[in-house]
């Protein structure tokens, strides 16, 4: 998962982009970057780490220009390495281009192989570079070449692209990843989430439509649609976990959706008796409040999160994730001692984090722990930008409910039903492949097979 931002036709473009990346930092902490354009020339800076580590005031001052795009990354395709930090900048026959990508291309490997046979030289291991090479090999002017290039890629992409004279925002035809349009004075702004618009005081206009390419030049918009009509496949996990609760994603307030998930879970767990409801912070807090209000079991703060530790789910290795859990969450013994606890979290991925949390609550004196998860069991890998690349790493793919309960070390374990989750999220039109194995596109393995047999 990554976060992208762009602003066109503003004298403080790089400074505003820099600030926006703090609002999107939850979407990736491995690298950050900004590209800006002045008098047709693109300047950029990328680095490893969070935004505050990568940029200083002097760095920002050097990125002068009237348009800029920014990116925060964690790796799902391509290693955690400076060569994969974005925005990617390349010189093509269309001039210099800078590109920031959120999502995963499911046919990137095949595109790369085909282009390499034609002499293309790739400088990174990220799938995003395939788009730049497709543009470099395209015919016609840029406004014609971009739709043609995007027709050749499959999977999830929300893009911001910067050229010498315009900014472009694109969203894949399935609409996997969010992308919104806003306005600040005479300047148009695009962002992965509305929270970044709010931070820079831009007004929200609308979502960029699935399959839409939005050309933005000197304050003017031109909308082009990729001529395909696939099924809608918005990532429901954005609402369950990834997006910030103060954002509006897919037209829904994230906090309101998470509270609805908690209320639905309370209805499904109505037989559980407990003294308090608590959350795994921070993403579990709205759901725990919803659970408490529906069940009339008091809400308590049972875990305190250190805000100097970043999200453990998107750490690049399991060893780092486990260390980060110990640093990140501390139990409140006074609230827990001798109590029957309902513990609310958004998901169980590998199970090790939940196990560590349950153990710490026991050590703090909790008498019973009843764990409620506001999504169904994650049983299958995501190929669209969530860090679950191998099904073998998912505990629900390998163990039954009772075995997961015993591994985590709780008295009972309850997952929200698929139907209730989708209803709380807003109904139909979501990708739920990680819960159902029903993928809306061919998976990378299927793409590879079809290429080999000429389908």
Foldseek 3Di string as FASTA:
>chain_A
DKKKKKKAQAQLALVLQLQLQVQGPQAAFQKKKKWAAAQFDIDMFMDTGGSVVGDDPVRSVVRGHRMMMMMHDFDPWFDSDRQPTAQDWDQAPQGIKTKDKAKFWQQLVVLVVVVVVVPDDDRTRGSVVSLVSQLRPADDHNVVSNLVSLVPTDFWIWMWMDGSFWIKTAGAQQRAFWKFWWDDVLMIMMISWCSSCVSSVTGTDGTQHHQWMWIAGSSDTDIDGNPDHFFHAYALVCLLDRPDQCTQGPNHRSLQLLLLLLLLLLVVVVVDDWQEEEEDPDSFVSSSVSVCVNNVRHYDHFKDFDPVQHDLQRDPDPVSSLVSLVVTIATDLVVAAATAYEYEDAAAFQLPSLLVVVVRSVVSHHPAYAYEHSAAAQQDADNIRRNRHDSVSGVVVPDDLVVSCVSSPGPYYYYRDHQSSCVSSPHDSHNPCRRVVDDSDDGSVRSVVCVVVVD
